Amino acid sequence: MTGIGSTATGNTDSTASTDSLLVWLRVRREADWRHAPVLRRDPGVRDGFRAWCEGPVRGRDPVRAERLLAAYAVARADAERRAPLDFALLAGWQREILGGGAVPRGRRLCEGRV
């Protein structure tokens, strides 16, 4: 196993990539989670995604904006009912964005139906 900040090959050369997972695990281990501030679950004043869809996206492509907002509504409803996050759920959101019953290409590849 490599140390924090080293690469998978053991190099500590600054030009080599850092193993980000190892860094994250170190941070998690060192954080004082018992004394962390309590997470507030207040709804935001402004929904940034909705504002982005209603603003710049709608200005460029109103149909895309409607599809994104429809998928967003479905995703929020799925989250509210605590639906398990799986491929079928993601595919449903993608169908909303694509505007129909199109099966995502990756799924066809997985099933051998290119």
C-alpha atoms as a PDB file:
ATOM      1  CA  MET A   1       0.000   0.000   0.000  1.00  0.00           C
ATOM      2  CA  THR A   2       1.233   3.482  -0.749  1.00  0.00           C
ATOM      3  CA  GLY A   3       1.387   6.374   1.657  1.00  0.00           C
ATOM      4  CA  ILE A   4      -0.733   9.495   1.630  1.00  0.00           C
ATOM      5  CA  GLY A   5       0.389  11.853  -1.111  1.00  0.00           C
ATOM      6  CA  SER A   6       2.286   9.207  -3.016  1.00  0.00           C
ATOM      7  CA  THR A   7       1.198   7.601  -6.228  1.00  0.00           C
ATOM      8  CA  ALA A   8       0.111   4.033  -6.777  1.00  0.00           C
ATOM      9  CA  THR A   9       3.632   3.307  -8.066  1.00  0.00           C
ATOM     10  CA  GLY A  10       5.225   4.692  -4.909  1.00  0.00           C
ATOM     11  CA  ASN A  11       6.602   7.842  -6.514  1.00  0.00           C
ATOM     12  CA  THR A  12       6.535  11.016  -4.473  1.00  0.00           C
ATOM     13  CA  ASP A  13       7.490  13.109  -7.494  1.00  0.00           C
ATOM     14  CA  SER A  14       5.311  16.236  -7.617  1.00  0.00           C
ATOM     15  CA  THR A  15       4.650  15.641 -11.329  1.00  0.00           C
ATOM     16  CA  ALA A  16       3.021  12.270 -10.588  1.00  0.00           C
ATOM     17  CA  SER A  17      -0.679  12.110  -9.764  1.00  0.00           C
ATOM     18  CA  THR A  18      -1.820  11.875  -6.162  1.00  0.00           C
ATOM     19  CA  ASP A  19      -4.054   9.069  -4.948  1.00  0.00           C
ATOM     20  CA  SER A  20      -7.094  11.184  -4.085  1.00  0.00           C
ATOM     21  CA  LEU A  21      -8.903   8.325  -2.372  1.00  0.00           C
ATOM     22  CA  LEU A  22      -6.046   7.878   0.083  1.00  0.00           C
ATOM     23  CA  VAL A  23      -6.021  11.617   0.761  1.00  0.00           C
ATOM     24  CA  TRP A  24      -9.790  11.605   1.371  1.00  0.00           C
ATOM     25  CA  LEU A  25      -9.513   8.612   3.717  1.00  0.00           C
ATOM     26  CA  ARG A  26      -6.809  10.458   5.692  1.00  0.00           C
ATOM     27  CA  VAL A  27      -8.978  13.572   5.928  1.00  0.00           C
ATOM     28  CA  ARG A  28     -11.951  11.511   7.122  1.00  0.00           C
ATOM     29  CA  ARG A  29      -9.781   9.820   9.733  1.00  0.00           C
ATOM     30  CA  GLU A  30      -8.335  13.115  11.020  1.00  0.00           C
ATOM     31  CA  ALA A  31     -11.556  15.153  11.120  1.00  0.00           C
ATOM     32  CA  ASP A  32     -13.110  15.742  14.536  1.00  0.00           C
ATOM     33  CA  TRP A  33     -16.579  14.557  13.541  1.00  0.00           C
ATOM     34  CA  ARG A  34     -17.981  14.632  17.092  1.00  0.00           C
ATOM     35  CA  HIS A  35     -17.449  18.384  17.350  1.00  0.00           C
ATOM     36  CA  ALA A  36     -18.434  19.315  13.802  1.00  0.00           C
ATOM     37  CA  PRO A  37     -21.224  21.865  13.403  1.00  0.00           C
ATOM     38  CA  VAL A  38     -24.731  20.473  13.147  1.00  0.00           C
ATOM     39  CA  LEU A  39     -25.984  20.252   9.583  1.00  0.00           C
ATOM     40  CA  ARG A  40     -28.899  22.588   9.009  1.00  0.00           C
ATOM     41  CA  ARG A  41     -31.596  21.200   6.770  1.00  0.00           C
ATOM     42  CA  ASP A  42     -33.243  24.487   5.900  1.00  0.00           C
ATOM     43  CA  PRO A  43     -34.475  24.756   2.326  1.00  0.00           C
ATOM     44  CA  GLY A  44     -32.501  27.178   0.234  1.00  0.00           C
ATOM     45  CA  VAL A  45     -33.906  30.576  -0.582  1.00  0.00           C
ATOM     46  CA  ARG A  46     -33.200  30.030  -4.268  1.00  0.00           C
ATOM     47  CA  ASP A  47     -32.941  26.766  -6.170  1.00  0.00           C
ATOM     48  CA  GLY A  48     -29.808  27.264  -8.262  1.00  0.00           C
ATOM     49  CA  PHE A  49     -30.529  24.432 -10.688  1.00  0.00           C
ATOM     50  CA  ARG A  50     -34.060  25.643 -11.358  1.00  0.00           C
ATOM     51  CA  ALA A  51     -32.766  29.212 -11.832  1.00  0.00           C
ATOM     52  CA  TRP A  52     -30.143  27.960 -14.296  1.00  0.00           C
ATOM     53  CA  CYS A  53     -32.802  26.054 -16.273  1.00  0.00           C
ATOM     54  CA  GLU A  54     -35.208  29.006 -16.257  1.00  0.00           C
ATOM     55  CA  GLY A  55     -32.484  31.505 -17.184  1.00  0.00           C
ATOM     56  CA  PRO A  56     -29.632  30.667 -19.556  1.00  0.00           C
ATOM     57  CA  VAL A  57     -30.865  27.226 -20.603  1.00  0.00           C
ATOM     58  CA  ARG A  58     -34.380  28.430 -21.450  1.00  0.00           C
ATOM     59  CA  GLY A  59     -32.873  31.357 -23.371  1.00  0.00           C
ATOM     60  CA  ARG A  60     -30.870  28.980 -25.568  1.00  0.00           C
ATOM     61  CA  ASP A  61     -33.231  26.015 -25.788  1.00  0.00           C
ATOM     62  CA  PRO A  62     -36.713  26.151 -24.197  1.00  0.00           C
ATOM     63  CA  VAL A  63     -37.432  22.484 -24.969  1.00  0.00           C
ATOM     64  CA  ARG A  64     -34.240  21.378 -23.211  1.00  0.00           C
ATOM     65  CA  ALA A  65     -35.116  23.569 -20.220  1.00  0.00           C
ATOM     66  CA  GLU A  66     -38.543  21.911 -19.928  1.00  0.00           C
ATOM     67  CA  ARG A  67     -37.032  18.432 -20.173  1.00  0.00           C
ATOM     68  CA  LEU A  68     -34.394  19.204 -17.547  1.00  0.00           C
ATOM     69  CA  LEU A  69     -37.029  20.588 -15.198  1.00  0.00           C
ATOM     70  CA  ALA A  70     -39.260  17.549 -15.768  1.00  0.00           C
ATOM     71  CA  ALA A  71     -36.370  15.199 -14.953  1.00  0.00           C
ATOM     72  CA  TYR A  72     -35.530  17.330 -11.916  1.00  0.00           C
ATOM     73  CA  ALA A  73     -39.106  17.033 -10.650  1.00  0.00           C
ATOM     74  CA  VAL A  74     -38.994  13.248 -11.062  1.00  0.00           C
ATOM     75  CA  ALA A  75     -35.599  13.060  -9.320  1.00  0.00           C
ATOM     76  CA  ARG A  76     -36.861  15.143  -6.395  1.00  0.00           C
ATOM     77  CA  ALA A  77     -39.978  12.964  -6.083  1.00  0.00           C
ATOM     78  CA  ASP A  78     -37.792   9.841  -6.146  1.00  0.00           C
ATOM     79  CA  ALA A  79     -35.573  11.332  -3.438  1.00  0.00           C
ATOM     80  CA  GLU A  80     -38.610  12.234  -1.343  1.00  0.00           C
ATOM     81  CA  ARG A  81     -39.856   8.644  -1.451  1.00  0.00           C
ATOM     82  CA  ARG A  82     -36.267   7.423  -0.807  1.00  0.00           C
ATOM     83  CA  ALA A  83     -36.149   5.310  -3.973  1.00  0.00           C
ATOM     84  CA  PRO A  84     -32.967   3.230  -4.247  1.00  0.00           C
ATOM     85  CA  LEU A  85     -30.472   4.848  -6.618  1.00  0.00           C
ATOM     86  CA  ASP A  86     -29.979   2.244  -9.327  1.00  0.00           C
ATOM     87  CA  PHE A  87     -29.611   2.072 -13.105  1.00  0.00           C
ATOM     88  CA  ALA A  88     -33.357   1.943 -13.736  1.00  0.00           C
ATOM     89  CA  LEU A  89     -33.898   5.134 -11.742  1.00  0.00           C
ATOM     90  CA  LEU A  90     -31.087   6.968 -13.548  1.00  0.00           C
ATOM     91  CA  ALA A  91     -32.383   5.695 -16.904  1.00  0.00           C
ATOM     92  CA  GLY A  92     -35.820   7.097 -16.088  1.00  0.00           C
ATOM     93  CA  TRP A  93     -34.355  10.526 -15.405  1.00  0.00           C
ATOM     94  CA  GLN A  94     -32.364  10.319 -18.629  1.00  0.00           C
ATOM     95  CA  ARG A  95     -35.519   9.411 -20.579  1.00  0.00           C
ATOM     96  CA  GLU A  96     -37.129  12.596 -19.255  1.00  0.00           C
ATOM     97  CA  ILE A  97     -34.149  14.636 -20.427  1.00  0.00           C
ATOM     98  CA  LEU A  98     -34.111  12.953 -23.837  1.00  0.00           C
ATOM     99  CA  GLY A  99     -37.845  13.453 -24.159  1.00  0.00           C
ATOM    100  CA  GLY A 100     -39.139   9.969 -24.636  1.00  0.00           C
ATOM    101  CA  GLY A 101     -38.695   6.277 -24.328  1.00  0.00           C
ATOM    102  CA  ALA A 102     -35.130   6.133 -25.606  1.00  0.00           C
ATOM    103  CA  VAL A 103     -33.062   3.612 -23.678  1.00  0.00           C
ATOM    104  CA  PRO A 104     -29.630   5.060 -22.865  1.00  0.00           C
ATOM    105  CA  ARG A 105     -26.941   3.673 -25.183  1.00  0.00           C
ATOM    106  CA  GLY A 106     -24.926   2.201 -22.313  1.00  0.00           C
ATOM    107  CA  ARG A 107     -27.865   0.015 -21.323  1.00  0.00           C
ATOM    108  CA  ARG A 108     -28.217  -1.322 -24.868  1.00  0.00           C
ATOM    109  CA  LEU A 109     -24.509  -2.145 -24.860  1.00  0.00           C
ATOM    110  CA  CYS A 110     -24.832  -3.932 -21.515  1.00  0.00           C
ATOM    111  CA  GLU A 111     -27.679  -6.011 -22.894  1.00  0.00           C
ATOM    112  CA  GLY A 112     -25.852  -6.680 -26.173  1.00  0.00           C
ATOM    113  CA  ARG A 113     -28.367  -4.621 -28.203  1.00  0.00           C
ATOM    114  CA  VAL A 114     -26.188  -2.051 -29.959  1.00  0.00           C
END
